[in-house]
Amino acid sequence: MDRQRIGRRGEDLAARWITDRGWQVIDRNWRCPAGEIDLVARDRDHLIVIEVKTRTGTGCGHPAEAVTATKLHRLRRLAAHWLAVHDLHPASVRVDVLAVLMPPGGAPRIEWLAGER
């Protein structure tokens, strides 16, 4: 499976994981000149911007390790831009990471790293 297909499958799994928890996915792969947000979800009055990182193994590290401080800073700026474009006024906004591990021949595993509100 190529990287793009793996990433798309990871995002599909992450979206299902989100809805299984009762959250609502309100945007996917939102793009602007500054970058892309993988998923935007709502949990009651709270907005969650979600970075999904998918890997088939940990040979190059855990998927979450790919989310650096620089990437988190960019995601916070993108969240502000997303809110400026959309007419939503959430009680809080946070950035979460969903690390998806899809080992060949094994069941996918999702690890949730919740950001601070």
PDB file of N, CA and C in Angstrom:
ATOM      1  N   MET A   1       0.848  -1.173   0.000  1.00  0.00           N
ATOM      2  CA  MET A   1       0.000   0.000   0.000  1.00  0.00           C
ATOM      3  C   MET A   1       0.902   1.247   0.000  1.00  0.00           C
ATOM      4  N   ASP A   2       0.600   2.221  -0.850  1.00  0.00           N
ATOM      5  CA  ASP A   2       1.442   3.418  -0.911  1.00  0.00           C
ATOM      6  C   ASP A   2       1.103   4.383   0.227  1.00  0.00           C
ATOM      7  N   ARG A   3       1.985   5.355   0.434  1.00  0.00           N
ATOM      8  CA  ARG A   3       1.856   6.287   1.569  1.00  0.00           C
ATOM      9  C   ARG A   3       0.539   7.050   1.555  1.00  0.00           C
ATOM     10  N   GLN A   4       0.129   7.491   0.376  1.00  0.00           N
ATOM     11  CA  GLN A   4      -1.111   8.258   0.287  1.00  0.00           C
ATOM     12  C   GLN A   4      -2.316   7.404   0.689  1.00  0.00           C
ATOM     13  N   ARG A   5      -2.330   6.173   0.239  1.00  0.00           N
ATOM     14  CA  ARG A   5      -3.429   5.265   0.578  1.00  0.00           C
ATOM     15  C   ARG A   5      -3.422   4.922   2.066  1.00  0.00           C
ATOM     16  N   ILE A   6      -2.237   4.729   2.622  1.00  0.00           N
ATOM     17  CA  ILE A   6      -2.116   4.454   4.061  1.00  0.00           C
ATOM     18  C   ILE A   6      -2.639   5.643   4.870  1.00  0.00           C
ATOM     19  N   GLY A   7      -2.234   6.846   4.463  1.00  0.00           N
ATOM     20  CA  GLY A   7      -2.688   8.052   5.154  1.00  0.00           C
ATOM     21  C   GLY A   7      -4.197   8.218   5.084  1.00  0.00           C
ATOM     22  N   ARG A   8      -4.759   7.963   3.908  1.00  0.00           N
ATOM     23  CA  ARG A   8      -6.211   8.089   3.741  1.00  0.00           C
ATOM     24  C   ARG A   8      -6.947   7.061   4.610  1.00  0.00           C
ATOM     25  N   ARG A   9      -6.426   5.845   4.639  1.00  0.00           N
ATOM     26  CA  ARG A   9      -7.036   4.794   5.468  1.00  0.00           C
ATOM     27  C   ARG A   9      -6.965   5.179   6.945  1.00  0.00           C
ATOM     28  N   GLY A  10      -5.820   5.735   7.361  1.00  0.00           N
ATOM     29  CA  GLY A  10      -5.677   6.196   8.745  1.00  0.00           C
ATOM     30  C   GLY A  10      -6.670   7.291   9.082  1.00  0.00           C
ATOM     31  N   GLU A  11      -6.884   8.231   8.169  1.00  0.00           N
ATOM     32  CA  GLU A  11      -7.856   9.301   8.404  1.00  0.00           C
ATOM     33  C   GLU A  11      -9.275   8.750   8.469  1.00  0.00           C
ATOM     34  N   ASP A  12      -9.582   7.762   7.626  1.00  0.00           N
ATOM     35  CA  ASP A  12     -10.906   7.128   7.684  1.00  0.00           C
ATOM     36  C   ASP A  12     -11.124   6.452   9.038  1.00  0.00           C
ATOM     37  N   LEU A  13     -10.102   5.736   9.513  1.00  0.00           N
ATOM     38  CA  LEU A  13     -10.196   5.081  10.822  1.00  0.00           C
ATOM     39  C   LEU A  13     -10.348   6.116  11.940  1.00  0.00           C
ATOM     40  N   ALA A  14      -9.594   7.201  11.828  1.00  0.00           N
ATOM     41  CA  ALA A  14      -9.665   8.262  12.840  1.00  0.00           C
ATOM     42  C   ALA A  14     -11.049   8.904  12.852  1.00  0.00           C
ATOM     43  N   ALA A  15     -11.623   9.154  11.681  1.00  0.00           N
ATOM     44  CA  ALA A  15     -12.954   9.750  11.602  1.00  0.00           C
ATOM     45  C   ALA A  15     -13.990   8.826  12.243  1.00  0.00           C
ATOM     46  N   ARG A  16     -13.866   7.536  12.004  1.00  0.00           N
ATOM     47  CA  ARG A  16     -14.788   6.581  12.621  1.00  0.00           C
ATOM     48  C   ARG A  16     -14.595   6.561  14.138  1.00  0.00           C
ATOM     49  N   TRP A  17     -13.328   6.596  14.589  1.00  0.00           N
ATOM     50  CA  TRP A  17     -13.017   6.620  16.024  1.00  0.00           C
ATOM     51  C   TRP A  17     -13.689   7.824  16.680  1.00  0.00           C
ATOM     52  N   ILE A  18     -13.634   8.973  16.007  1.00  0.00           N
ATOM     53  CA  ILE A  18     -14.227  10.210  16.520  1.00  0.00           C
ATOM     54  C   ILE A  18     -15.738  10.080  16.637  1.00  0.00           C
ATOM     55  N   THR A  19     -16.377   9.609  15.589  1.00  0.00           N
ATOM     56  CA  THR A  19     -17.839   9.500  15.622  1.00  0.00           C
ATOM     57  C   THR A  19     -18.296   8.428  16.607  1.00  0.00           C
ATOM     58  N   ASP A  20     -17.496   7.381  16.786  1.00  0.00           N
ATOM     59  CA  ASP A  20     -17.832   6.352  17.778  1.00  0.00           C
ATOM     60  C   ASP A  20     -17.862   6.925  19.191  1.00  0.00           C
ATOM     61  N   ARG A  21     -17.166   8.023  19.437  1.00  0.00           N
ATOM     62  CA  ARG A  21     -17.151   8.663  20.742  1.00  0.00           C
ATOM     63  C   ARG A  21     -18.230   9.727  20.886  1.00  0.00           C
ATOM     64  N   GLY A  22     -19.037   9.870  19.854  1.00  0.00           N
ATOM     65  CA  GLY A  22     -20.121  10.841  19.918  1.00  0.00           C
ATOM     66  C   GLY A  22     -19.758  12.227  19.433  1.00  0.00           C
ATOM     67  N   TRP A  23     -18.534  12.402  18.950  1.00  0.00           N
ATOM     68  CA  TRP A  23     -18.139  13.687  18.389  1.00  0.00           C
ATOM     69  C   TRP A  23     -18.673  13.765  16.969  1.00  0.00           C
ATOM     70  N   GLN A  24     -18.754  14.972  16.447  1.00  0.00           N
ATOM     71  CA  GLN A  24     -19.218  15.187  15.082  1.00  0.00           C
ATOM     72  C   GLN A  24     -18.043  15.683  14.230  1.00  0.00           C
ATOM     73  N   VAL A  25     -17.741  14.986  13.151  1.00  0.00           N
ATOM     74  CA  VAL A  25     -16.733  15.452  12.201  1.00  0.00           C
ATOM     75  C   VAL A  25     -17.398  16.540  11.364  1.00  0.00           C
ATOM     76  N   ILE A  26     -16.848  17.750  11.404  1.00  0.00           N
ATOM     77  CA  ILE A  26     -17.464  18.845  10.658  1.00  0.00           C
ATOM     78  C   ILE A  26     -16.628  19.301   9.480  1.00  0.00           C
ATOM     79  N   ASP A  27     -15.384  18.843   9.394  1.00  0.00           N
ATOM     80  CA  ASP A  27     -14.553  19.168   8.225  1.00  0.00           C
ATOM     81  C   ASP A  27     -13.446  18.138   8.103  1.00  0.00           C
ATOM     82  N   ARG A  28     -13.051  17.890   6.863  1.00  0.00           N
ATOM     83  CA  ARG A  28     -11.970  16.935   6.575  1.00  0.00           C
ATOM     84  C   ARG A  28     -11.063  17.528   5.525  1.00  0.00           C
ATOM     85  N   ASN A  29      -9.772  17.407   5.754  1.00  0.00           N
ATOM     86  CA  ASN A  29      -8.769  17.862   4.798  1.00  0.00           C
ATOM     87  C   ASN A  29      -8.993  19.308   4.357  1.00  0.00           C
ATOM     88  N   TRP A  30      -9.263  20.167   5.337  1.00  0.00           N
ATOM     89  CA  TRP A  30      -9.467  21.583   5.050  1.00  0.00           C
ATOM     90  C   TRP A  30      -8.125  22.214   4.711  1.00  0.00           C
ATOM     91  N   ARG A  31      -8.095  22.925   3.607  1.00  0.00           N
ATOM     92  CA  ARG A  31      -6.843  23.531   3.138  1.00  0.00           C
ATOM     93  C   ARG A  31      -6.983  25.036   2.962  1.00  0.00           C
ATOM     94  N   CYS A  32      -5.865  25.689   3.208  1.00  0.00           N
ATOM     95  CA  CYS A  32      -5.725  27.108   2.917  1.00  0.00           C
ATOM     96  C   CYS A  32      -4.254  27.306   2.537  1.00  0.00           C
ATOM     97  N   PRO A  33      -3.861  28.491   2.117  1.00  0.00           N
ATOM     98  CA  PRO A  33      -2.453  28.686   1.726  1.00  0.00           C
ATOM     99  C   PRO A  33      -1.441  28.358   2.826  1.00  0.00           C
ATOM    100  N   ALA A  34      -1.866  28.428   4.091  1.00  0.00           N
ATOM    101  CA  ALA A  34      -0.942  28.173   5.212  1.00  0.00           C
ATOM    102  C   ALA A  34      -0.779  26.694   5.546  1.00  0.00           C
ATOM    103  N   GLY A  35      -1.648  25.828   4.997  1.00  0.00           N
ATOM    104  CA  GLY A  35      -1.522  24.408   5.301  1.00  0.00           C
ATOM    105  C   GLY A  35      -2.848  23.680   5.288  1.00  0.00           C
ATOM    106  N   GLU A  36      -2.868  22.529   5.951  1.00  0.00           N
ATOM    107  CA  GLU A  36      -4.042  21.659   5.948  1.00  0.00           C
ATOM    108  C   GLU A  36      -4.343  21.154   7.352  1.00  0.00           C
ATOM    109  N   ILE A  37      -5.631  21.052   7.637  1.00  0.00           N
ATOM    110  CA  ILE A  37      -6.103  20.412   8.861  1.00  0.00           C
ATOM    111  C   ILE A  37      -6.726  19.091   8.433  1.00  0.00           C
ATOM    112  N   ASP A  38      -6.277  17.992   9.049  1.00  0.00           N
ATOM    113  CA  ASP A  38      -6.800  16.676   8.674  1.00  0.00           C
ATOM    114  C   ASP A  38      -8.278  16.542   9.011  1.00  0.00           C
ATOM    115  N   LEU A  39      -8.627  16.801  10.265  1.00  0.00           N
ATOM    116  CA  LEU A  39     -10.012  16.664  10.710  1.00  0.00           C
ATOM    117  C   LEU A  39     -10.350  17.800  11.668  1.00  0.00           C
ATOM    118  N   VAL A  40     -11.582  18.274  11.568  1.00  0.00           N
ATOM    119  CA  VAL A  40     -12.118  19.218  12.541  1.00  0.00           C
ATOM    120  C   VAL A  40     -13.369  18.557  13.096  1.00  0.00           C
ATOM    121  N   ALA A  41     -13.452  18.494  14.419  1.00  0.00           N
ATOM    122  CA  ALA A  41     -14.588  17.838  15.058  1.00  0.00           C
ATOM    123  C   ALA A  41     -15.181  18.749  16.124  1.00  0.00           C
ATOM    124  N   ARG A  42     -16.410  18.398  16.499  1.00  0.00           N
ATOM    125  CA  ARG A  42     -17.085  19.129  17.562  1.00  0.00           C
ATOM    126  C   ARG A  42     -17.527  18.121  18.616  1.00  0.00           C
ATOM    127  N   ASP A  43     -17.244  18.443  19.857  1.00  0.00           N
ATOM    128  CA  ASP A  43     -17.718  17.674  21.005  1.00  0.00           C
ATOM    129  C   ASP A  43     -18.529  18.659  21.847  1.00  0.00           C
ATOM    130  N   ARG A  44     -19.829  18.624  21.675  1.00  0.00           N
ATOM    131  CA  ARG A  44     -20.748  19.608  22.261  1.00  0.00           C
ATOM    132  C   ARG A  44     -20.326  21.006  21.819  1.00  0.00           C
ATOM    133  N   ASP A  45     -19.902  21.871  22.744  1.00  0.00           N
ATOM    134  CA  ASP A  45     -19.521  23.243  22.402  1.00  0.00           C
ATOM    135  C   ASP A  45     -18.024  23.408  22.202  1.00  0.00           C
ATOM    136  N   HIS A  46     -17.302  22.314  22.075  1.00  0.00           N
ATOM    137  CA  HIS A  46     -15.850  22.376  21.967  1.00  0.00           C
ATOM    138  C   HIS A  46     -15.412  21.972  20.564  1.00  0.00           C
ATOM    139  N   LEU A  47     -14.468  22.712  20.028  1.00  0.00           N
ATOM    140  CA  LEU A  47     -13.923  22.424  18.704  1.00  0.00           C
ATOM    141  C   LEU A  47     -12.581  21.721  18.876  1.00  0.00           C
ATOM    142  N   ILE A  48     -12.389  20.654  18.127  1.00  0.00           N
ATOM    143  CA  ILE A  48     -11.135  19.898  18.189  1.00  0.00           C
ATOM    144  C   ILE A  48     -10.540  19.823  16.793  1.00  0.00           C
ATOM    145  N   VAL A  49      -9.338  20.353  16.652  1.00  0.00           N
ATOM    146  CA  VAL A  49      -8.570  20.254  15.418  1.00  0.00           C
ATOM    147  C   VAL A  49      -7.675  19.035  15.587  1.00  0.00           C
ATOM    148  N   ILE A  50      -7.731  18.128  14.623  1.00  0.00           N
ATOM    149  CA  ILE A  50      -7.066  16.841  14.795  1.00  0.00           C
ATOM    150  C   ILE A  50      -6.049  16.590  13.699  1.00  0.00           C
ATOM    151  N   GLU A  51      -4.838  16.295  14.123  1.00  0.00           N
ATOM    152  CA  GLU A  51      -3.773  15.865  13.217  1.00  0.00           C
ATOM    153  C   GLU A  51      -3.725  14.345  13.293  1.00  0.00           C
ATOM    154  N   VAL A  52      -3.829  13.706  12.148  1.00  0.00           N
ATOM    155  CA  VAL A  52      -3.783  12.249  12.084  1.00  0.00           C
ATOM    156  C   VAL A  52      -2.434  11.848  11.501  1.00  0.00           C
ATOM    157  N   LYS A  53      -1.715  10.995  12.218  1.00  0.00           N
ATOM    158  CA  LYS A  53      -0.441  10.459  11.732  1.00  0.00           C
ATOM    159  C   LYS A  53      -0.563   8.947  11.681  1.00  0.00           C
ATOM    160  N   THR A  54      -0.314   8.391  10.516  1.00  0.00           N
ATOM    161  CA  THR A  54      -0.477   6.953  10.309  1.00  0.00           C
ATOM    162  C   THR A  54       0.842   6.342   9.879  1.00  0.00           C
ATOM    163  N   ARG A  55       1.153   5.199  10.466  1.00  0.00           N
ATOM    164  CA  ARG A  55       2.355   4.448  10.097  1.00  0.00           C
ATOM    165  C   ARG A  55       2.011   2.959  10.086  1.00  0.00           C
ATOM    166  N   THR A  56       2.798   2.199   9.339  1.00  0.00           N
ATOM    167  CA  THR A  56       2.609   0.741   9.327  1.00  0.00           C
ATOM    168  C   THR A  56       3.520   0.054  10.338  1.00  0.00           C
ATOM    169  N   GLY A  57       4.440   0.784  10.901  1.00  0.00           N
ATOM    170  CA  GLY A  57       5.355   0.239  11.897  1.00  0.00           C
ATOM    171  C   GLY A  57       6.023   1.368  12.646  1.00  0.00           C
ATOM    172  N   THR A  58       6.888   1.003  13.587  1.00  0.00           N
ATOM    173  CA  THR A  58       7.568   2.017  14.401  1.00  0.00           C
ATOM    174  C   THR A  58       9.061   2.093  14.094  1.00  0.00           C
ATOM    175  N   GLY A  59       9.469   1.535  12.964  1.00  0.00           N
ATOM    176  CA  GLY A  59      10.879   1.567  12.583  1.00  0.00           C
ATOM    177  C   GLY A  59      11.433   2.979  12.478  1.00  0.00           C
ATOM    178  N   CYS A  60      10.581   3.915  12.107  1.00  0.00           N
ATOM    179  CA  CYS A  60      10.992   5.329  12.032  1.00  0.00           C
ATOM    180  C   CYS A  60      10.408   6.124  13.190  1.00  0.00           C
ATOM    181  N   GLY A  61      10.000   5.421  14.241  1.00  0.00           N
ATOM    182  CA  GLY A  61       9.423   6.069  15.405  1.00  0.00           C
ATOM    183  C   GLY A  61       7.914   5.927  15.445  1.00  0.00           C
ATOM    184  N   HIS A  62       7.352   6.240  16.596  1.00  0.00           N
ATOM    185  CA  HIS A  62       5.903   6.212  16.793  1.00  0.00           C
ATOM    186  C   HIS A  62       5.276   7.301  15.918  1.00  0.00           C
ATOM    187  N   PRO A  63       4.079   7.061  15.375  1.00  0.00           N
ATOM    188  CA  PRO A  63       3.460   8.074  14.510  1.00  0.00           C
ATOM    189  C   PRO A  63       3.355   9.452  15.159  1.00  0.00           C
ATOM    190  N   ALA A  64       3.060   9.506  16.439  1.00  0.00           N
ATOM    191  CA  ALA A  64       2.901  10.799  17.122  1.00  0.00           C
ATOM    192  C   ALA A  64       4.201  11.598  17.167  1.00  0.00           C
ATOM    193  N   GLU A  65       5.328  10.920  17.069  1.00  0.00           N
ATOM    194  CA  GLU A  65       6.614  11.625  17.104  1.00  0.00           C
ATOM    195  C   GLU A  65       6.789  12.549  15.911  1.00  0.00           C
ATOM    196  N   ALA A  66       6.011  12.344  14.854  1.00  0.00           N
ATOM    197  CA  ALA A  66       6.105  13.202  13.675  1.00  0.00           C
ATOM    198  C   ALA A  66       5.438  14.562  13.896  1.00  0.00           C
ATOM    199  N   VAL A  67       4.715  14.708  14.991  1.00  0.00           N
ATOM    200  CA  VAL A  67       4.059  15.980  15.297  1.00  0.00           C
ATOM    201  C   VAL A  67       4.980  16.766  16.225  1.00  0.00           C
ATOM    202  N   THR A  68       5.718  17.654  15.622  1.00  0.00           N
ATOM    203  CA  THR A  68       6.706  18.453  16.343  1.00  0.00           C
ATOM    204  C   THR A  68       6.065  19.710  16.934  1.00  0.00           C
ATOM    205  N   ALA A  69       6.826  20.421  17.740  1.00  0.00           N
ATOM    206  CA  ALA A  69       6.352  21.695  18.294  1.00  0.00           C
ATOM    207  C   ALA A  69       6.022  22.677  17.173  1.00  0.00           C
ATOM    208  N   THR A  70       6.817  22.670  16.118  1.00  0.00           N
ATOM    209  CA  THR A  70       6.564  23.535  14.966  1.00  0.00           C
ATOM    210  C   THR A  70       5.234  23.182  14.312  1.00  0.00           C
ATOM    211  N   LYS A  71       4.975  21.897  14.154  1.00  0.00           N
ATOM    212  CA  LYS A  71       3.712  21.448  13.555  1.00  0.00           C
ATOM    213  C   LYS A  71       2.531  21.840  14.444  1.00  0.00           C
ATOM    214  N   LEU A  72       2.654  21.690  15.759  1.00  0.00           N
ATOM    215  CA  LEU A  72       1.580  22.089  16.663  1.00  0.00           C
ATOM    216  C   LEU A  72       1.297  23.585  16.574  1.00  0.00           C
ATOM    217  N   HIS A  73       2.355  24.376  16.481  1.00  0.00           N
ATOM    218  CA  HIS A  73       2.199  25.831  16.343  1.00  0.00           C
ATOM    219  C   HIS A  73       1.445  26.146  15.053  1.00  0.00           C
ATOM    220  N   ARG A  74       1.807  25.488  13.959  1.00  0.00           N
ATOM    221  CA  ARG A  74       1.133  25.685  12.677  1.00  0.00           C
ATOM    222  C   ARG A  74      -0.345  25.275  12.779  1.00  0.00           C
ATOM    223  N   LEU A  75      -0.619  24.174  13.458  1.00  0.00           N
ATOM    224  CA  LEU A  75      -2.006  23.723  13.619  1.00  0.00           C
ATOM    225  C   LEU A  75      -2.832  24.726  14.425  1.00  0.00           C
ATOM    226  N   ARG A  76      -2.230  25.344  15.418  1.00  0.00           N
ATOM    227  CA  ARG A  76      -2.948  26.367  16.192  1.00  0.00           C
ATOM    228  C   ARG A  76      -3.285  27.572  15.315  1.00  0.00           C
ATOM    229  N   ARG A  77      -2.332  27.967  14.475  1.00  0.00           N
ATOM    230  CA  ARG A  77      -2.595  29.078  13.537  1.00  0.00           C
ATOM    231  C   ARG A  77      -3.678  28.693  12.537  1.00  0.00           C
ATOM    232  N   LEU A  78      -3.618  27.452  12.038  1.00  0.00           N
ATOM    233  CA  LEU A  78      -4.640  26.981  11.101  1.00  0.00           C
ATOM    234  C   LEU A  78      -6.012  26.936  11.763  1.00  0.00           C
ATOM    235  N   ALA A  79      -6.062  26.535  13.038  1.00  0.00           N
ATOM    236  CA  ALA A  79      -7.335  26.508  13.761  1.00  0.00           C
ATOM    237  C   ALA A  79      -7.930  27.918  13.837  1.00  0.00           C
ATOM    238  N   ALA A  80      -7.094  28.908  14.128  1.00  0.00           N
ATOM    239  CA  ALA A  80      -7.564  30.292  14.179  1.00  0.00           C
ATOM    240  C   ALA A  80      -8.076  30.732  12.812  1.00  0.00           C
ATOM    241  N   HIS A  81      -7.379  30.341  11.771  1.00  0.00           N
ATOM    242  CA  HIS A  81      -7.801  30.694  10.412  1.00  0.00           C
ATOM    243  C   HIS A  81      -9.115  29.985  10.067  1.00  0.00           C
ATOM    244  N   TRP A  82      -9.236  28.721  10.439  1.00  0.00           N
ATOM    245  CA  TRP A  82     -10.462  27.969  10.178  1.00  0.00           C
ATOM    246  C   TRP A  82     -11.646  28.662  10.848  1.00  0.00           C
ATOM    247  N   LEU A  83     -11.461  29.080  12.107  1.00  0.00           N
ATOM    248  CA  LEU A  83     -12.534  29.763  12.833  1.00  0.00           C
ATOM    249  C   LEU A  83     -12.898  31.101  12.196  1.00  0.00           C
ATOM    250  N   ALA A  84     -11.904  31.792  11.647  1.00  0.00           N
ATOM    251  CA  ALA A  84     -12.170  33.076  10.992  1.00  0.00           C
ATOM    252  C   ALA A  84     -13.006  32.883   9.727  1.00  0.00           C
ATOM    253  N   VAL A  85     -12.841  31.747   9.069  1.00  0.00           N
ATOM    254  CA  VAL A  85     -13.566  31.463   7.821  1.00  0.00           C
ATOM    255  C   VAL A  85     -14.964  30.920   8.092  1.00  0.00           C
ATOM    256  N   HIS A  86     -15.150  30.222   9.192  1.00  0.00           N
ATOM    257  CA  HIS A  86     -16.425  29.580   9.520  1.00  0.00           C
ATOM    258  C   HIS A  86     -17.137  30.361  10.621  1.00  0.00           C
ATOM    259  N   ASP A  87     -18.433  30.293  10.634  1.00  0.00           N
ATOM    260  CA  ASP A  87     -19.219  31.041  11.608  1.00  0.00           C
ATOM    261  C   ASP A  87     -19.545  30.165  12.813  1.00  0.00           C
ATOM    262  N   LEU A  88     -18.513  29.796  13.557  1.00  0.00           N
ATOM    263  CA  LEU A  88     -18.685  29.016  14.776  1.00  0.00           C
ATOM    264  C   LEU A  88     -18.013  29.747  15.920  1.00  0.00           C
ATOM    265  N   HIS A  89     -18.583  29.620  17.089  1.00  0.00           N
ATOM    266  CA  HIS A  89     -18.043  30.278  18.279  1.00  0.00           C
ATOM    267  C   HIS A  89     -18.001  29.259  19.418  1.00  0.00           C
ATOM    268  N   PRO A  90     -17.025  28.341  19.377  1.00  0.00           N
ATOM    269  CA  PRO A  90     -16.963  27.287  20.392  1.00  0.00           C
ATOM    270  C   PRO A  90     -16.547  27.818  21.753  1.00  0.00           C
ATOM    271  N   ALA A  91     -16.899  27.053  22.770  1.00  0.00           N
ATOM    272  CA  ALA A  91     -16.495  27.394  24.132  1.00  0.00           C
ATOM    273  C   ALA A  91     -14.989  27.266  24.288  1.00  0.00           C
ATOM    274  N   SER A  92     -14.402  26.317  23.559  1.00  0.00           N
ATOM    275  CA  SER A  92     -12.950  26.130  23.605  1.00  0.00           C
ATOM    276  C   SER A  92     -12.486  25.474  22.304  1.00  0.00           C
ATOM    277  N   VAL A  93     -11.191  25.578  22.090  1.00  0.00           N
ATOM    278  CA  VAL A  93     -10.557  24.959  20.925  1.00  0.00           C
ATOM    279  C   VAL A  93      -9.312  24.246  21.418  1.00  0.00           C
ATOM    280  N   ARG A  94      -9.094  23.042  20.925  1.00  0.00           N
ATOM    281  CA  ARG A  94      -7.860  22.348  21.266  1.00  0.00           C
ATOM    282  C   ARG A  94      -7.362  21.600  20.038  1.00  0.00           C
ATOM    283  N   VAL A  95      -6.092  21.247  20.077  1.00  0.00           N
ATOM    284  CA  VAL A  95      -5.464  20.473  19.010  1.00  0.00           C
ATOM    285  C   VAL A  95      -5.117  19.103  19.579  1.00  0.00           C
ATOM    286  N   ASP A  96      -5.643  18.055  18.956  1.00  0.00           N
ATOM    287  CA  ASP A  96      -5.376  16.677  19.352  1.00  0.00           C
ATOM    288  C   ASP A  96      -4.583  15.978  18.261  1.00  0.00           C
ATOM    289  N   VAL A  97      -3.936  14.898  18.639  1.00  0.00           N
ATOM    290  CA  VAL A  97      -3.235  14.033  17.692  1.00  0.00           C
ATOM    291  C   VAL A  97      -3.828  12.638  17.812  1.00  0.00           C
ATOM    292  N   LEU A  98      -4.157  12.054  16.673  1.00  0.00           N
ATOM    293  CA  LEU A  98      -4.557  10.649  16.635  1.00  0.00           C
ATOM    294  C   LEU A  98      -3.465   9.909  15.882  1.00  0.00           C
ATOM    295  N   ALA A  99      -2.751   9.068  16.599  1.00  0.00           N
ATOM    296  CA  ALA A  99      -1.675   8.262  16.017  1.00  0.00           C
ATOM    297  C   ALA A  99      -2.270   6.907  15.644  1.00  0.00           C
ATOM    298  N   VAL A 100      -2.189   6.571  14.368  1.00  0.00           N
ATOM    299  CA  VAL A 100      -2.764   5.321  13.872  1.00  0.00           C
ATOM    300  C   VAL A 100      -1.617   4.405  13.461  1.00  0.00           C
ATOM    301  N   LEU A 101      -1.588   3.241  14.051  1.00  0.00           N
ATOM    302  CA  LEU A 101      -0.580   2.228  13.714  1.00  0.00           C
ATOM    303  C   LEU A 101      -1.295   1.080  13.020  1.00  0.00           C
ATOM    304  N   MET A 102      -0.894   0.833  11.767  1.00  0.00           N
ATOM    305  CA  MET A 102      -1.519  -0.221  10.960  1.00  0.00           C
ATOM    306  C   MET A 102      -0.461  -1.253  10.568  1.00  0.00           C
ATOM    307  N   PRO A 103      -0.111  -2.163  11.483  1.00  0.00           N
ATOM    308  CA  PRO A 103       0.913  -3.149  11.161  1.00  0.00           C
ATOM    309  C   PRO A 103       0.411  -4.122  10.089  1.00  0.00           C
ATOM    310  N   PRO A 104       1.275  -4.502   9.157  1.00  0.00           N
ATOM    311  CA  PRO A 104       0.860  -5.454   8.130  1.00  0.00           C
ATOM    312  C   PRO A 104       0.335  -6.737   8.773  1.00  0.00           C
ATOM    313  N   GLY A 105      -0.852  -7.137   8.378  1.00  0.00           N
ATOM    314  CA  GLY A 105      -1.439  -8.366   8.899  1.00  0.00           C
ATOM    315  C   GLY A 105      -2.024  -8.248  10.291  1.00  0.00           C
ATOM    316  N   GLY A 106      -1.943  -7.082  10.897  1.00  0.00           N
ATOM    317  CA  GLY A 106      -2.468  -6.903  12.250  1.00  0.00           C
ATOM    318  C   GLY A 106      -3.604  -5.903  12.281  1.00  0.00           C
ATOM    319  N   ALA A 107      -4.287  -5.850  13.396  1.00  0.00           N
ATOM    320  CA  ALA A 107      -5.388  -4.906  13.568  1.00  0.00           C
ATOM    321  C   ALA A 107      -4.845  -3.496  13.804  1.00  0.00           C
ATOM    322  N   PRO A 108      -5.474  -2.501  13.207  1.00  0.00           N
ATOM    323  CA  PRO A 108      -5.042  -1.121  13.446  1.00  0.00           C
ATOM    324  C   PRO A 108      -5.254  -0.732  14.910  1.00  0.00           C
ATOM    325  N   ARG A 109      -4.368   0.124  15.404  1.00  0.00           N
ATOM    326  CA  ARG A 109      -4.476   0.655  16.762  1.00  0.00           C
ATOM    327  C   ARG A 109      -4.429   2.176  16.681  1.00  0.00           C
ATOM    328  N   ILE A 110      -5.271   2.801  17.480  1.00  0.00           N
ATOM    329  CA  ILE A 110      -5.313   4.262  17.517  1.00  0.00           C
ATOM    330  C   ILE A 110      -4.964   4.728  18.917  1.00  0.00           C
ATOM    331  N   GLU A 111      -4.051   5.671  18.986  1.00  0.00           N
ATOM    332  CA  GLU A 111      -3.685   6.290  20.255  1.00  0.00           C
ATOM    333  C   GLU A 111      -4.063   7.760  20.173  1.00  0.00           C
ATOM    334  N   TRP A 112      -4.790   8.210  21.199  1.00  0.00           N
ATOM    335  CA  TRP A 112      -5.289   9.581  21.245  1.00  0.00           C
ATOM    336  C   TRP A 112      -4.441  10.404  22.191  1.00  0.00           C
ATOM    337  N   LEU A 113      -3.912  11.493  21.701  1.00  0.00           N
ATOM    338  CA  LEU A 113      -3.179  12.446  22.529  1.00  0.00           C
ATOM    339  C   LEU A 113      -3.983  13.730  22.527  1.00  0.00           C
ATOM    340  N   ALA A 114      -4.686  13.985  23.618  1.00  0.00           N
ATOM    341  CA  ALA A 114      -5.546  15.151  23.716  1.00  0.00           C
ATOM    342  C   ALA A 114      -4.735  16.379  24.107  1.00  0.00           C
ATOM    343  N   GLY A 115      -4.963  17.448  23.381  1.00  0.00           N
ATOM    344  CA  GLY A 115      -4.315  18.719  23.703  1.00  0.00           C
ATOM    345  C   GLY A 115      -5.032  19.411  24.838  1.00  0.00           C
ATOM    346  N   GLU A 116      -4.494  20.533  25.241  1.00  0.00           N
ATOM    347  CA  GLU A 116      -5.103  21.320  26.317  1.00  0.00           C
ATOM    348  C   GLU A 116      -6.068  22.313  25.725  1.00  0.00           C
ATOM    349  N   ARG A 117      -7.129  22.561  26.456  1.00  0.00           N
ATOM    350  CA  ARG A 117      -8.124  23.564  26.019  1.00  0.00           C
ATOM    351  C   ARG A 117      -7.648  24.932  26.370  1.00  0.00           C
TER     352      ARG A 117
END
